[in-house]
Protein backbone atom coordinates (compact mmCIF):
# COMPACT_ATOMS: atom_id res chain seq x y z
CA MET A 1 -3.44 -11.15 5.82
CA PHE A 2 -3.08 -8.79 8.82
CA GLU A 3 -3.19 -5.85 6.39
CA SER A 4 -4.85 -3.51 8.87
CA LEU A 5 -2.21 -4.06 11.56
CA LYS A 6 0.53 -3.68 8.97
CA LYS A 7 -1.00 -0.43 7.72
CA ARG A 8 -1.52 0.99 11.22
CA LEU A 9 2.01 0.26 12.38
CA SER A 10 3.48 1.58 9.16
CA GLY A 11 1.38 4.71 9.56
CA ALA A 12 2.59 5.21 13.14
CA ILE A 13 6.23 4.91 12.07
CA GLY A 14 5.53 7.33 9.20
CA LYS A 15 4.08 9.88 11.63
CA ILE A 16 7.17 9.56 13.79
CA SER A 17 9.44 10.21 10.81
CA ASP A 18 7.34 13.19 9.67
CA LYS A 19 7.39 14.67 13.17
CA VAL A 20 11.16 14.38 13.36
CA SER A 21 11.54 16.10 9.97
CA LYS A 22 9.19 18.91 10.92
CA GLU A 23 10.87 19.59 14.25
CA GLU A 24 14.32 19.53 12.71
CA GLU A 25 13.25 22.07 10.08
CA GLU A 26 11.77 24.29 12.78
CA ALA A 27 14.99 24.03 14.77
CA GLN A 28 17.07 25.09 11.77
CA LYS A 29 14.80 28.08 11.14
CA LYS A 30 15.12 29.15 14.78
CA ASP A 31 18.91 28.91 14.58
CA GLU A 32 18.97 31.02 11.42
CA THR A 33 16.64 33.59 12.96
CA LEU A 34 18.68 33.84 16.15
CA THR A 35 21.96 34.14 14.28
CA GLY A 36 20.57 36.82 11.96
CA LYS A 37 19.11 38.77 14.85
CA VAL A 38 22.37 38.82 16.84
CA THR A 39 24.45 39.72 13.79
CA LYS A 40 22.15 42.64 13.07
CA GLU A 41 22.26 43.83 16.67
CA VAL A 42 26.06 43.66 16.74
CA GLY A 43 26.29 45.70 13.56
CA THR A 44 23.90 48.32 14.95
CA GLU A 45 25.66 48.71 18.28
CA THR A 46 29.11 49.29 16.86
CA ASP A 47 30.37 50.37 13.49
CA PHE A 48 33.59 48.66 14.26
CA TYR A 49 32.14 45.13 13.61
CA GLY A 50 33.11 45.55 9.97
CA VAL A 51 36.63 46.40 10.96
CA LEU A 52 36.97 43.04 12.74
CA GLN A 53 36.31 41.24 9.48
CA LYS A 54 39.14 43.08 7.77
CA GLU A 55 42.85 42.95 8.49
CA PRO A 56 43.74 43.09 12.18
CA VAL A 57 44.46 46.57 13.48
CA THR A 58 47.97 46.66 14.93
CA LYS A 59 48.30 50.37 15.37
CA GLY A 60 45.93 53.07 16.45
CA THR A 61 44.91 55.43 19.15
CA VAL A 62 43.83 54.36 22.59
CA LYS A 63 40.30 55.31 21.64
CA GLU A 64 40.37 52.96 18.62
CA LYS A 65 41.66 50.08 20.75
CA GLU A 66 38.94 50.65 23.32
CA THR A 67 36.35 50.59 20.54
CA ILE A 68 37.72 47.27 19.25
CA LYS A 69 37.64 45.81 22.74
CA ALA A 70 34.04 46.95 23.27
CA SER A 71 32.97 45.46 19.92
CA THR A 72 34.61 42.14 20.68
CA GLU A 73 32.91 41.94 24.05
CA THR A 74 29.54 42.69 22.39
CA ILE A 75 30.02 39.87 19.88
CA GLU A 76 30.98 37.44 22.63
CA GLU A 77 27.90 38.40 24.63
CA LYS A 78 25.61 37.82 21.65
CA THR A 79 27.28 34.50 20.89
CA ASP A 80 26.59 33.46 24.48
CA GLU A 81 22.98 34.53 23.93
CA ILE A 82 22.65 32.23 20.92
CA GLU A 83 24.06 29.28 22.86
CA SER A 84 21.79 30.04 25.80
CA LEU A 85 18.69 30.15 23.61
CA GLN A 86 19.70 26.94 21.87
CA SER A 87 20.21 25.30 25.25
CA ASP A 88 16.70 26.34 26.27
CA GLU A 89 15.32 24.72 23.12
CA GLU A 90 17.26 21.53 23.82
CA ASP A 91 15.79 21.30 27.30
CA LYS A 92 12.26 21.15 25.94
CA SER A 93 10.73 17.67 25.69
CA GLY A 94 10.02 16.11 22.33
CA LEU A 95 11.85 14.58 19.42
CA LEU A 96 13.89 17.74 18.76
CA SER A 97 16.07 17.29 21.82
CA PHE A 98 17.55 13.95 20.83
CA ILE A 99 18.24 15.14 17.29
CA ARG A 100 20.57 17.67 18.88
CA HIS A 101 21.91 15.46 21.65
CA LYS A 102 22.27 12.41 19.35
CA THR A 103 21.01 10.18 22.17
CA ILE A 104 17.40 9.09 22.69
CA SER A 105 16.11 9.77 26.20
CA GLU A 106 13.03 8.42 27.95
CA LYS A 107 11.24 11.77 27.66
CA ASP A 108 11.99 11.92 23.94
CA VAL A 109 10.05 8.75 23.07
CA ASP A 110 6.70 9.71 24.63
CA ASP A 111 5.17 10.66 21.26
CA ILE A 112 6.57 7.54 19.59
CA LEU A 113 5.16 5.22 22.23
CA PHE A 114 1.75 6.87 22.12
CA GLU A 115 1.53 6.46 18.34
CA LEU A 116 2.54 2.80 18.56
CA GLU A 117 0.16 1.93 21.38
CA MET A 118 -2.78 3.53 19.57
CA ALA A 119 -1.91 1.62 16.38
CA LEU A 120 -1.78 -1.68 18.27
CA LEU A 121 -5.05 -1.11 20.14
CA GLU A 122 -6.81 -0.10 16.91
CA GLY A 123 -5.52 -3.37 15.43
CA ASP A 124 -7.46 -5.31 18.12
CA VAL A 125 -4.35 -6.16 20.12
CA ALA A 126 -5.15 -6.86 23.79
CA LEU A 127 -4.26 -3.99 26.14
CA GLU A 128 -1.78 -6.00 28.21
CA VAL A 129 -0.03 -7.14 25.03
CA ALA A 130 0.09 -3.61 23.58
CA GLU A 131 1.60 -2.35 26.83
CA GLN A 132 4.22 -5.10 26.84
CA ILE A 133 5.21 -4.34 23.24
CA VAL A 134 5.42 -0.60 23.96
CA ASN A 135 7.56 -1.18 27.06
CA THR A 136 9.91 -3.43 25.10
CA VAL A 137 10.23 -0.83 22.34
CA LYS A 138 10.95 1.83 24.98
CA GLU A 139 13.74 -0.25 26.52
CA ASP A 140 15.23 -0.82 23.08
CA LEU A 141 15.15 2.85 22.04
CA VAL A 142 16.22 4.73 25.16
CA GLY A 143 19.97 5.35 25.14
CA ARG A 144 20.39 4.66 21.43
CA LYS A 145 22.75 6.99 19.55
CA ILE A 146 21.53 8.49 16.29
CA LYS A 147 23.54 9.96 13.44
CA ARG A 148 20.85 11.12 11.05
CA ARG A 149 17.16 11.95 11.02
CA ASN A 150 16.01 8.68 9.43
CA ASP A 151 17.60 6.66 12.23
CA VAL A 152 14.59 7.37 14.47
CA ALA A 153 12.06 5.63 12.22
CA GLU A 154 14.47 2.79 11.41
CA PHE A 155 15.31 2.14 15.06
CA THR A 156 11.61 2.24 15.97
CA LYS A 157 10.73 -0.29 13.27
CA ASP A 158 13.53 -2.63 14.35
CA ALA A 159 12.56 -2.32 18.01
CA LEU A 160 8.93 -3.04 17.13
CA LYS A 161 9.85 -6.14 15.13
CA ASN A 162 11.95 -7.44 18.02
CA ALA A 163 9.13 -6.76 20.50
CA ILE A 164 6.53 -8.59 18.39
CA SER A 165 8.90 -11.53 17.86
CA GLU A 166 9.31 -11.84 21.64
CA ILE A 167 5.53 -11.76 22.12
CA LEU A 168 4.98 -14.52 19.56
CA ASN A 169 7.81 -16.80 20.63
CA VAL A 170 6.11 -19.11 23.10
CA ASP A 171 7.66 -22.54 23.67
CA SER A 172 5.78 -25.30 21.88
CA GLN A 173 6.12 -29.03 21.39
CA ASP A 174 6.76 -30.35 17.91
CA ILE A 175 3.83 -32.56 16.94
CA ASP A 176 5.96 -34.84 14.75
CA ASP A 177 8.26 -35.50 17.70
CA LEU A 178 5.25 -36.26 19.90
CA ILE A 179 3.88 -38.75 17.36
CA VAL A 180 7.24 -40.55 17.16
CA GLU A 181 7.47 -40.68 20.94
CA LYS A 182 3.94 -42.08 21.28
CA ARG A 183 4.64 -44.69 18.59
CA LYS A 184 7.55 -45.99 20.65
CA GLN A 185 5.11 -46.43 23.53
CA GLY A 186 2.59 -48.22 21.29
CA GLU A 187 0.11 -45.39 21.78
CA PRO A 188 -1.65 -42.95 19.44
CA LEU A 189 -1.21 -39.20 19.92
CA LYS A 190 -4.45 -37.94 21.48
CA ILE A 191 -5.55 -34.41 20.64
CA MET A 192 -8.67 -32.91 22.19
CA PHE A 193 -10.26 -29.83 20.62
CA VAL A 194 -12.19 -27.21 22.58
CA GLY A 195 -13.90 -23.94 21.66
CA ILE A 196 -17.31 -22.38 21.18
CA ASN A 197 -19.78 -22.93 18.34
CA GLY A 198 -19.22 -20.97 15.17
CA THR A 199 -15.44 -20.86 15.25
CA GLY A 200 -14.99 -23.61 12.65
CA LYS A 201 -13.83 -26.27 15.10
CA THR A 202 -15.34 -29.24 13.26
CA THR A 203 -13.98 -28.12 9.90
CA THR A 204 -10.59 -27.48 11.49
CA ILE A 205 -10.47 -31.08 12.74
CA ALA A 206 -11.08 -32.27 9.17
CA LYS A 207 -8.36 -29.93 7.90
CA LEU A 208 -5.91 -31.16 10.50
CA ALA A 209 -6.75 -34.79 9.64
CA THR A 210 -5.95 -33.95 6.00
CA PHE A 211 -2.70 -32.30 7.09
CA PHE A 212 -1.65 -35.47 8.94
CA ILE A 213 -2.68 -37.75 6.07
CA GLU A 214 -0.41 -35.75 3.76
CA LYS A 215 2.43 -36.45 6.19
CA ASN A 216 1.67 -40.19 5.99
CA TYR A 217 0.07 -40.43 9.43
CA THR A 218 -3.20 -42.27 10.03
CA PRO A 219 -5.79 -40.33 12.04
CA VAL A 220 -9.13 -41.35 13.53
CA ILE A 221 -11.87 -38.91 14.59
CA ALA A 222 -13.98 -39.13 17.75
CA ALA A 223 -17.43 -37.47 17.48
CA SER A 224 -17.58 -36.52 21.16
CA ASP A 225 -19.95 -33.61 20.60
CA THR A 226 -23.02 -35.68 21.44
CA PHE A 227 -25.06 -32.71 22.58
CA ARG A 228 -26.42 -32.08 19.07
CA ALA A 229 -27.35 -34.66 16.43
CA GLY A 230 -26.34 -32.09 13.83
CA ALA A 231 -22.81 -32.01 15.19
CA ILE A 232 -22.45 -35.77 14.76
CA GLU A 233 -23.77 -35.56 11.22
CA GLN A 234 -21.44 -32.70 10.35
CA ILE A 235 -18.25 -34.36 11.58
CA THR A 236 -19.33 -37.62 9.90
CA HIS A 237 -19.80 -35.78 6.59
CA HIS A 238 -16.26 -34.36 6.80
CA ALA A 239 -14.75 -37.72 7.80
CA ASP A 240 -16.41 -39.47 4.87
CA LYS A 241 -15.18 -36.84 2.40
CA ILE A 242 -11.55 -37.11 3.47
CA GLY A 243 -11.64 -40.88 4.00
CA VAL A 244 -11.00 -40.97 7.75
CA LYS A 245 -12.50 -43.46 10.19
CA ILE A 246 -14.95 -41.87 12.62
CA ILE A 247 -16.05 -43.28 15.97
CA LYS A 248 -19.50 -42.08 17.01
CA HIS A 249 -22.44 -42.88 19.30
CA LYS A 250 -26.00 -41.61 19.32
CA LYS A 251 -27.04 -38.14 20.37
CA GLY A 252 -26.96 -37.80 24.15
CA ALA A 253 -24.32 -40.50 24.66
CA ASP A 254 -21.46 -39.99 27.10
CA PRO A 255 -18.81 -37.89 25.24
CA ALA A 256 -16.00 -39.44 27.29
CA ALA A 257 -17.14 -42.95 26.24
CA VAL A 258 -16.94 -41.95 22.56
CA ALA A 259 -13.43 -40.59 23.05
CA TYR A 260 -12.38 -43.74 24.91
CA ASP A 261 -13.68 -45.98 22.11
CA ALA A 262 -11.78 -43.92 19.52
CA VAL A 263 -8.52 -44.32 21.47
CA ASP A 264 -9.18 -48.05 21.85
CA HIS A 265 -9.78 -48.35 18.09
CA ALA A 266 -6.56 -46.46 17.29
CA LYS A 267 -4.53 -48.77 19.54
CA ALA A 268 -6.06 -51.90 18.03
CA GLN A 269 -5.58 -50.72 14.45
CA GLY A 270 -2.16 -49.13 14.94
CA LYS A 271 -3.33 -45.65 14.02
CA ASP A 272 -1.19 -42.65 14.82
CA ILE A 273 -3.54 -39.91 15.96
CA VAL A 274 -6.94 -39.53 17.65
CA LEU A 275 -8.71 -36.22 17.00
CA VAL A 276 -11.46 -35.63 19.56
CA ASP A 277 -14.27 -33.21 18.76
CA THR A 278 -16.17 -31.73 21.74
CA ALA A 279 -19.35 -29.74 22.25
CA GLY A 280 -18.94 -26.09 21.33
CA ARG A 281 -20.65 -24.02 23.99
CA MET A 282 -19.83 -20.77 25.74
CA GLN A 283 -16.83 -20.96 28.03
CA THR A 284 -19.03 -19.86 30.95
CA ASN A 285 -21.21 -22.99 30.69
CA VAL A 286 -20.40 -24.98 33.85
CA ASN A 287 -21.91 -28.27 32.60
CA LEU A 288 -19.87 -28.09 29.41
CA MET A 289 -16.68 -27.50 31.33
CA ASP A 290 -17.42 -30.47 33.59
CA GLU A 291 -17.95 -32.56 30.47
CA MET A 292 -14.58 -31.42 29.10
CA LYS A 293 -12.90 -32.29 32.37
CA LYS A 294 -14.38 -35.80 32.27
CA ILE A 295 -13.09 -36.44 28.74
CA LYS A 296 -9.69 -35.22 29.90
CA ARG A 297 -9.71 -37.60 32.90
CA VAL A 298 -10.79 -40.60 30.83
CA ILE A 299 -8.45 -40.39 27.83
CA LYS A 300 -5.66 -38.19 29.23
CA PRO A 301 -5.07 -36.25 25.99
CA ASP A 302 -1.51 -35.40 25.01
CA LEU A 303 -2.62 -32.03 23.68
CA ILE A 304 -5.68 -29.88 24.29
CA ILE A 305 -6.10 -27.39 21.47
CA PHE A 306 -8.29 -24.30 21.64
CA VAL A 307 -9.91 -23.38 18.32
CA GLY A 308 -10.74 -19.68 18.06
CA ASP A 309 -12.07 -17.35 15.39
CA ALA A 310 -9.39 -14.79 14.50
CA LEU A 311 -12.06 -12.30 13.40
CA THR A 312 -13.43 -12.00 16.93
CA GLY A 313 -10.20 -10.42 18.18
CA ASN A 314 -10.18 -9.90 21.93
CA ASP A 315 -13.25 -12.15 22.35
CA ALA A 316 -11.15 -15.09 21.15
CA VAL A 317 -8.43 -14.12 23.63
CA GLU A 318 -10.92 -14.08 26.52
CA GLN A 319 -12.43 -17.41 25.44
CA ALA A 320 -8.98 -19.00 25.35
CA ARG A 321 -8.25 -17.67 28.82
CA LYS A 322 -11.46 -19.21 30.23
CA PHE A 323 -10.88 -22.61 28.59
CA ASP A 324 -7.29 -22.60 29.81
CA GLU A 325 -8.45 -21.93 33.37
CA ALA A 326 -11.05 -24.73 33.16
CA VAL A 327 -9.26 -27.58 31.39
CA GLY A 328 -5.78 -26.36 30.52
CA ILE A 329 -4.77 -25.54 26.95
CA ASP A 330 -1.56 -26.67 25.25
CA GLY A 331 -1.94 -24.76 22.00
CA VAL A 332 -4.15 -22.65 19.76
CA ILE A 333 -5.54 -22.87 16.25
CA LEU A 334 -6.95 -19.65 14.80
CA THR A 335 -9.51 -20.01 12.02
CA LYS A 336 -10.36 -17.46 9.31
CA ALA A 337 -6.88 -15.98 9.51
CA ASP A 338 -7.05 -15.27 5.77
CA ALA A 339 -9.91 -12.81 6.42
CA ASP A 340 -8.34 -11.28 9.55
CA ALA A 341 -7.07 -7.86 8.46
CA LYS A 342 -6.42 -6.62 11.99
CA GLY A 343 -4.26 -9.44 13.32
CA GLY A 344 -4.90 -8.59 16.97
CA ALA A 345 -5.92 -12.11 18.03
CA ALA A 346 -2.85 -13.71 16.45
CA LEU A 347 -0.62 -11.21 18.22
CA SER A 348 -2.34 -11.44 21.60
CA ILE A 349 -3.68 -14.90 22.29
CA GLY A 350 -0.44 -16.82 22.78
CA TYR A 351 1.03 -14.20 25.09
CA VAL A 352 -2.10 -13.89 27.25
CA ILE A 353 -2.35 -17.61 28.02
CA ASN A 354 1.34 -18.34 27.46
CA LYS A 355 0.56 -21.08 24.95
CA PRO A 356 1.70 -21.27 21.32
CA ILE A 357 -0.36 -20.75 18.19
CA GLN A 358 0.21 -23.97 16.26
CA PHE A 359 -1.94 -23.66 13.13
CA LEU A 360 -3.87 -21.06 11.15
CA GLY A 361 -6.93 -21.75 9.05
CA THR A 362 -6.52 -19.90 5.76
CA GLY A 363 -9.52 -20.80 3.59
CA GLN A 364 -12.46 -23.07 2.90
CA SER A 365 -10.84 -26.20 1.50
CA TYR A 366 -9.46 -29.08 3.58
CA SER A 367 -5.90 -28.19 2.62
CA ASP A 368 -6.24 -24.58 3.80
CA ILE A 369 -4.35 -24.90 7.05
CA ILE A 370 -0.74 -23.90 7.76
CA GLU A 371 1.65 -24.37 10.64
CA PHE A 372 2.23 -21.13 12.46
CA HIS A 373 5.74 -19.69 12.77
CA PRO A 374 6.41 -16.38 14.57
CA ASN A 375 8.90 -15.17 11.97
CA TRP A 376 6.29 -15.68 9.28
CA MET A 377 3.86 -13.34 11.02
CA VAL A 378 6.57 -10.72 11.56
CA GLU A 379 7.24 -10.82 7.82
CA GLN A 380 3.50 -10.51 7.12
CA VAL A 381 3.33 -7.35 9.21
CA PHE A 382 6.62 -5.72 8.21
CA GLY A 383 7.48 -7.36 4.89
């Protein structure tokens, strides 16, 4: 899961480490070349350089003393030349400078940030999310002290993990707590599902019903997608297979009336949760959005959950944004996460609409759904 994103980010960090190693080796070669050049020049200009390496001369003619003085001055000049050339190298931008200075500057991380941003965008991460992650990494790196070459890659990886954790950590309500609270009020928890056709919304409702049954809750399903007869048949098929009561009307009936009847049934029978299916049409369909708004007005759902296909990447992010603007979204379920190698939608969608991812669909069976936890995804990408 998320293998592509993991591979791309790992590759970016690897490139950073390789670049540091290459520039450090080049720096060492330049130092050796400069030192050798100056030593040779000193030896050529005065034969007395060798004398300086022997025992100090305490006696001698004035001429000999002047020669020693001239040789010493020549060596000092060449030493200054080495330091000057090294200083010029240090002033150049790039990773080399902070290897020498031991402190990462803003200019030093340009290459690092470029590599990371490209890796994120290639992993289908939304541009605004990629930019936020890169900026967070930059803030974390600049000013850091390094002691050895490998620190650069390690610090970058740690900064990236922290940045992704921040992106994924969106406040969410615990569904178990909500159910307990609604029980005290003598009400079922009402969850309304929205999303376009083809995302696996109907199957996801059946999976979530199974999830709640396994936690000893009693759900009921409302077949409020009355636009298509096939949709009613499909949700009925799932409900029958998992043994859940379904409330349905005929094709063309008022979707809000179906949802209302399901809530009424749950109250009368003491059931814990009402799962409301809705028509899956494009988020730009005005009539559909009006229909959603009516259901919302009639039953006043406790949660409105957007169901998106993880494989569609930025399309899922844009769909979630539109549904949030139209009816307001409280959370997200991403389907087909098991087949999503890139991971861009999972990393982007919660941040863009500032709503939490609550579940991931991970397969074809009714039990293939898991609660989403940010730390789990960080481990998937960096573990």
